[in-house]
Structure formats: structure tokens, C-alpha cells
């Protein structure tokens, strides 16, 4: 299991900080100790609030696609950030279909 990590300076004396990954941010917003905890929160339908707090323009569609694919344990493809977010927000977790 991968533990979430804090953003660290890139080198000694460097003021530049490495960007926080989308998965790390979702895990932090969801109060997860480990990235793998996101799997169970997804199955329980408990990622709406953490995902909703992340600005749409903070990460690109590729980062969202990778994050949603990891969380759902499926190889997925999205054409927009909104589509990826919606997959986590409105998915009906009881039967595997969209709950629209």
C-alpha cells in the first residue's frame, strides 16, 4: 500500500515545492492514510465531498483519468475533467451503473 506523502522541497535550500498529485490530494481531502483506502471509499460512495472540493482547472484530463482508473480499479478513458469527476460523483455503487 502506498502511503500519502507530504510535499517536500526539491533540493537542499530549494524554495520550490513538488506538485501534489491528484491522488494524494483526493486522499488528503478524504482523510485517508493510504491511497489504497480510496478504493473502499469509492465503493461506499463516499468520495463526493472530497472530489467536489478540488477545482476543475487544477489538474488535467490525463491526471483525472489516471486517478479515477486507480480508484475504480478499471482502465477508463475520459474526454474532459468534468466527465471524470462525474464518474466518481454520480456512479451508482450498488449495481455498477450511472445513477443519473
N, C-alpha and C. Protein backbone atom coordinates (compact mmCIF):
# COMPACT_ATOMS: atom_id res chain seq x y z
N UNK A 1 0.84 -1.18 0.00
CA UNK A 1 0.00 0.00 0.00
C UNK A 1 0.88 1.24 0.00
N UNK A 2 0.48 2.21 -0.77
CA UNK A 2 1.24 3.44 -0.85
C UNK A 2 0.68 4.45 0.13
N UNK A 3 1.52 4.96 1.01
CA UNK A 3 1.10 5.96 1.97
C UNK A 3 1.12 7.32 1.28
N UNK A 4 0.16 8.17 1.63
CA UNK A 4 0.16 9.52 1.06
C UNK A 4 1.42 10.22 1.53
N UNK A 5 1.87 11.17 0.75
CA UNK A 5 3.11 11.84 1.11
C UNK A 5 2.90 13.35 1.18
N UNK A 6 3.73 13.96 2.00
CA UNK A 6 3.71 15.41 2.08
C UNK A 6 4.56 15.97 0.95
N UNK A 7 4.25 17.18 0.54
CA UNK A 7 5.03 17.84 -0.49
C UNK A 7 6.34 18.29 0.13
N UNK A 8 7.45 17.90 -0.48
CA UNK A 8 8.77 18.20 0.05
C UNK A 8 9.52 19.12 -0.91
N UNK A 9 10.45 19.93 -0.39
CA UNK A 9 11.29 20.74 -1.27
C UNK A 9 12.07 19.85 -2.22
N UNK A 10 12.37 20.37 -3.42
CA UNK A 10 13.05 19.56 -4.43
C UNK A 10 14.51 19.32 -4.10
N UNK A 11 15.16 20.22 -3.44
CA UNK A 11 16.57 20.02 -3.12
C UNK A 11 16.95 20.84 -1.90
N UNK A 12 18.17 20.65 -1.42
CA UNK A 12 18.61 21.41 -0.24
C UNK A 12 18.53 22.91 -0.50
N UNK A 13 17.87 23.61 0.38
CA UNK A 13 17.76 25.05 0.26
C UNK A 13 16.79 25.51 -0.81
N UNK A 14 16.13 24.60 -1.46
CA UNK A 14 15.21 24.96 -2.54
C UNK A 14 13.87 25.42 -1.98
N UNK A 15 13.37 26.54 -2.48
CA UNK A 15 12.06 27.02 -2.06
C UNK A 15 10.96 26.45 -2.94
N UNK A 16 11.35 25.83 -4.05
CA UNK A 16 10.38 25.24 -4.97
C UNK A 16 9.88 23.93 -4.41
N UNK A 17 8.56 23.74 -4.41
CA UNK A 17 7.99 22.50 -3.90
C UNK A 17 7.41 21.70 -5.05
N UNK A 18 7.50 20.40 -4.92
CA UNK A 18 6.96 19.49 -5.91
C UNK A 18 5.44 19.58 -5.88
N UNK A 19 4.82 19.46 -7.03
CA UNK A 19 3.36 19.50 -7.09
C UNK A 19 2.77 18.27 -6.43
N UNK A 20 1.68 18.48 -5.73
CA UNK A 20 0.96 17.37 -5.10
C UNK A 20 0.17 16.65 -6.19
N UNK A 21 0.23 15.32 -6.20
CA UNK A 21 -0.51 14.57 -7.22
C UNK A 21 -2.00 14.62 -6.91
N UNK A 22 -2.81 14.38 -7.92
CA UNK A 22 -4.25 14.37 -7.75
C UNK A 22 -4.67 13.28 -6.77
N UNK A 23 -4.10 12.09 -6.90
CA UNK A 23 -4.44 11.01 -5.97
C UNK A 23 -4.10 11.38 -4.54
N UNK A 24 -2.94 11.99 -4.34
CA UNK A 24 -2.56 12.43 -2.99
C UNK A 24 -3.55 13.46 -2.45
N UNK A 25 -3.97 14.38 -3.31
CA UNK A 25 -4.90 15.41 -2.88
C UNK A 25 -6.27 14.82 -2.54
N UNK A 26 -6.77 13.90 -3.37
CA UNK A 26 -8.06 13.26 -3.07
C UNK A 26 -7.96 12.51 -1.74
N UNK A 27 -6.86 11.77 -1.54
CA UNK A 27 -6.67 11.03 -0.30
C UNK A 27 -6.61 11.98 0.90
N UNK A 28 -5.93 13.09 0.74
CA UNK A 28 -5.83 14.08 1.82
C UNK A 28 -7.21 14.67 2.13
N UNK A 29 -7.96 15.04 1.09
CA UNK A 29 -9.30 15.60 1.28
C UNK A 29 -10.25 14.59 1.91
N UNK A 30 -10.01 13.29 1.64
CA UNK A 30 -10.87 12.23 2.18
C UNK A 30 -10.36 11.71 3.53
N UNK A 31 -9.28 12.31 4.02
CA UNK A 31 -8.69 11.92 5.31
C UNK A 31 -8.23 10.46 5.31
N UNK A 32 -7.61 10.03 4.21
CA UNK A 32 -7.09 8.67 4.08
C UNK A 32 -5.61 8.64 4.48
N UNK A 33 -5.21 7.61 5.18
CA UNK A 33 -3.80 7.42 5.50
C UNK A 33 -3.05 6.81 4.32
N UNK A 34 -3.75 6.00 3.52
CA UNK A 34 -3.13 5.31 2.40
C UNK A 34 -3.97 5.53 1.14
N UNK A 35 -3.30 5.60 -0.01
CA UNK A 35 -4.02 5.76 -1.27
C UNK A 35 -4.99 4.61 -1.50
N UNK A 36 -4.62 3.42 -1.07
CA UNK A 36 -5.49 2.26 -1.28
C UNK A 36 -6.82 2.38 -0.53
N UNK A 37 -6.88 3.24 0.48
CA UNK A 37 -8.15 3.47 1.19
C UNK A 37 -9.20 4.09 0.27
N UNK A 38 -8.77 4.72 -0.81
CA UNK A 38 -9.71 5.34 -1.75
C UNK A 38 -10.60 4.31 -2.42
N UNK A 39 -10.11 3.08 -2.59
CA UNK A 39 -10.92 2.03 -3.22
C UNK A 39 -12.21 1.79 -2.43
N UNK A 40 -12.08 1.63 -1.12
CA UNK A 40 -13.27 1.33 -0.31
C UNK A 40 -14.19 2.53 -0.20
N UNK A 41 -13.63 3.74 -0.14
CA UNK A 41 -14.48 4.93 -0.09
C UNK A 41 -15.29 5.06 -1.38
N UNK A 42 -14.67 4.73 -2.50
CA UNK A 42 -15.38 4.76 -3.79
C UNK A 42 -16.54 3.77 -3.78
N UNK A 43 -16.28 2.55 -3.34
CA UNK A 43 -17.33 1.52 -3.32
C UNK A 43 -18.47 1.90 -2.39
N UNK A 44 -18.16 2.67 -1.35
CA UNK A 44 -19.19 3.12 -0.40
C UNK A 44 -19.86 4.41 -0.87
N UNK A 45 -19.40 4.96 -1.99
CA UNK A 45 -19.97 6.21 -2.50
C UNK A 45 -19.63 7.41 -1.64
N UNK A 46 -18.42 7.41 -1.05
CA UNK A 46 -18.05 8.47 -0.11
C UNK A 46 -16.96 9.40 -0.63
N UNK A 47 -16.87 9.56 -1.93
CA UNK A 47 -15.86 10.46 -2.48
C UNK A 47 -16.44 11.77 -3.01
N UNK A 48 -17.74 11.95 -2.92
CA UNK A 48 -18.37 13.15 -3.47
C UNK A 48 -17.81 14.43 -2.87
N UNK A 49 -17.78 14.53 -1.57
CA UNK A 49 -17.30 15.76 -0.93
C UNK A 49 -15.82 16.01 -1.23
N UNK A 50 -14.94 15.02 -1.05
CA UNK A 50 -13.53 15.29 -1.35
C UNK A 50 -13.28 15.69 -2.81
N UNK A 51 -13.95 15.03 -3.75
CA UNK A 51 -13.76 15.34 -5.17
C UNK A 51 -14.34 16.71 -5.50
N UNK A 52 -15.46 17.05 -4.91
CA UNK A 52 -16.11 18.34 -5.17
C UNK A 52 -15.27 19.53 -4.71
N UNK A 53 -14.39 19.31 -3.75
CA UNK A 53 -13.55 20.40 -3.23
C UNK A 53 -12.34 20.70 -4.11
N UNK A 54 -12.11 19.91 -5.13
CA UNK A 54 -10.94 20.11 -5.99
C UNK A 54 -11.35 20.91 -7.23
N UNK A 55 -10.70 22.03 -7.43
CA UNK A 55 -11.01 22.90 -8.58
C UNK A 55 -10.79 22.15 -9.89
N UNK A 56 -11.74 22.30 -10.81
CA UNK A 56 -11.68 21.60 -12.09
C UNK A 56 -10.42 21.91 -12.88
N UNK A 57 -9.90 23.13 -12.74
CA UNK A 57 -8.75 23.53 -13.55
C UNK A 57 -7.40 23.23 -12.89
N UNK A 58 -7.42 22.59 -11.74
CA UNK A 58 -6.16 22.32 -11.03
C UNK A 58 -5.37 21.17 -11.67
N UNK A 59 -6.06 20.19 -12.24
CA UNK A 59 -5.42 19.03 -12.88
C UNK A 59 -6.07 18.80 -14.24
N UNK A 60 -5.30 18.24 -15.15
CA UNK A 60 -5.80 17.97 -16.49
C UNK A 60 -6.55 16.66 -16.60
N UNK A 61 -7.11 16.43 -17.78
CA UNK A 61 -7.92 15.23 -18.01
C UNK A 61 -7.08 13.96 -17.85
N UNK A 62 -5.80 13.99 -18.22
CA UNK A 62 -4.95 12.80 -18.09
C UNK A 62 -4.77 12.43 -16.61
N UNK A 63 -4.53 13.43 -15.76
CA UNK A 63 -4.37 13.16 -14.32
C UNK A 63 -5.66 12.61 -13.73
N UNK A 64 -6.80 13.18 -14.14
CA UNK A 64 -8.09 12.70 -13.65
C UNK A 64 -8.37 11.29 -14.13
N UNK A 65 -8.05 11.01 -15.40
CA UNK A 65 -8.26 9.66 -15.94
C UNK A 65 -7.44 8.64 -15.16
N UNK A 66 -6.17 8.95 -14.90
CA UNK A 66 -5.31 8.04 -14.15
C UNK A 66 -5.82 7.85 -12.72
N UNK A 67 -6.25 8.93 -12.08
CA UNK A 67 -6.74 8.84 -10.70
C UNK A 67 -8.02 8.02 -10.61
N UNK A 68 -8.97 8.29 -11.50
CA UNK A 68 -10.24 7.56 -11.47
C UNK A 68 -10.01 6.09 -11.81
N UNK A 69 -9.12 5.82 -12.75
CA UNK A 69 -8.80 4.43 -13.09
C UNK A 69 -8.19 3.70 -11.90
N UNK A 70 -7.30 4.37 -11.17
CA UNK A 70 -6.71 3.75 -9.97
C UNK A 70 -7.77 3.50 -8.91
N UNK A 71 -8.57 4.50 -8.63
CA UNK A 71 -9.58 4.40 -7.57
C UNK A 71 -10.60 3.30 -7.88
N UNK A 72 -11.01 3.20 -9.13
CA UNK A 72 -12.05 2.23 -9.50
C UNK A 72 -11.49 0.87 -9.89
N UNK A 73 -10.17 0.80 -10.03
CA UNK A 73 -9.50 -0.44 -10.46
C UNK A 73 -9.97 -0.88 -11.84
N UNK A 74 -10.22 0.11 -12.71
CA UNK A 74 -10.64 -0.15 -14.09
C UNK A 74 -9.82 0.73 -15.02
N UNK A 75 -9.61 0.27 -16.23
CA UNK A 75 -8.97 1.10 -17.23
C UNK A 75 -10.06 1.93 -17.89
N UNK A 76 -10.01 3.23 -17.65
CA UNK A 76 -11.06 4.13 -18.13
C UNK A 76 -10.46 5.21 -19.01
N UNK A 77 -11.30 5.86 -19.78
CA UNK A 77 -10.88 6.95 -20.63
C UNK A 77 -11.95 8.04 -20.59
N UNK A 78 -11.51 9.28 -20.39
CA UNK A 78 -12.43 10.41 -20.33
C UNK A 78 -11.97 11.48 -21.30
N UNK A 79 -12.91 12.27 -21.78
CA UNK A 79 -12.58 13.35 -22.70
C UNK A 79 -12.52 14.71 -22.01
N UNK A 80 -12.96 14.76 -20.75
CA UNK A 80 -12.91 16.02 -20.01
C UNK A 80 -12.76 15.74 -18.52
N UNK A 81 -12.27 16.74 -17.82
CA UNK A 81 -12.15 16.66 -16.36
C UNK A 81 -13.52 16.46 -15.74
N UNK A 82 -14.51 17.19 -16.24
CA UNK A 82 -15.87 17.09 -15.70
C UNK A 82 -16.41 15.67 -15.81
N UNK A 83 -16.15 15.03 -16.94
CA UNK A 83 -16.61 13.65 -17.14
C UNK A 83 -15.98 12.70 -16.11
N UNK A 84 -14.69 12.87 -15.86
CA UNK A 84 -14.00 12.03 -14.88
C UNK A 84 -14.54 12.27 -13.47
N UNK A 85 -14.72 13.54 -13.12
CA UNK A 85 -15.27 13.86 -11.80
C UNK A 85 -16.66 13.28 -11.64
N UNK A 86 -17.48 13.44 -12.65
CA UNK A 86 -18.85 12.92 -12.60
C UNK A 86 -18.88 11.41 -12.41
N UNK A 87 -17.91 10.72 -12.98
CA UNK A 87 -17.85 9.27 -12.83
C UNK A 87 -17.74 8.90 -11.36
N UNK A 88 -16.94 9.66 -10.62
CA UNK A 88 -16.81 9.39 -9.18
C UNK A 88 -17.99 9.92 -8.38
N UNK A 89 -18.61 11.00 -8.85
CA UNK A 89 -19.67 11.65 -8.08
C UNK A 89 -21.04 11.00 -8.22
N UNK A 90 -21.40 10.56 -9.42
CA UNK A 90 -22.77 10.09 -9.63
C UNK A 90 -22.87 8.60 -9.93
N UNK A 91 -21.77 7.90 -9.84
CA UNK A 91 -21.81 6.46 -10.09
C UNK A 91 -22.67 5.78 -9.04
N UNK A 92 -23.58 4.93 -9.49
CA UNK A 92 -24.40 4.14 -8.58
C UNK A 92 -23.56 2.95 -8.15
N UNK A 93 -23.14 2.94 -6.92
CA UNK A 93 -22.20 1.95 -6.42
C UNK A 93 -22.85 0.61 -6.08
N UNK A 94 -24.16 0.52 -6.20
CA UNK A 94 -24.82 -0.73 -5.85
C UNK A 94 -24.93 -1.68 -7.03
N UNK A 95 -25.04 -1.14 -8.25
CA UNK A 95 -25.19 -2.05 -9.38
C UNK A 95 -24.22 -1.79 -10.52
N UNK A 96 -23.30 -0.83 -10.33
CA UNK A 96 -22.29 -0.60 -11.35
C UNK A 96 -22.72 0.29 -12.49
N UNK A 97 -23.93 0.86 -12.44
CA UNK A 97 -24.40 1.75 -13.49
C UNK A 97 -24.38 3.19 -12.99
N UNK A 98 -24.43 4.12 -13.93
CA UNK A 98 -24.51 5.51 -13.54
C UNK A 98 -25.85 5.78 -12.89
N UNK A 99 -25.81 6.51 -11.79
CA UNK A 99 -27.04 6.83 -11.08
C UNK A 99 -27.62 8.15 -11.52
N UNK A 100 -27.94 8.28 -12.77
CA UNK A 100 -28.50 9.54 -13.28
C UNK A 100 -29.99 9.50 -13.30
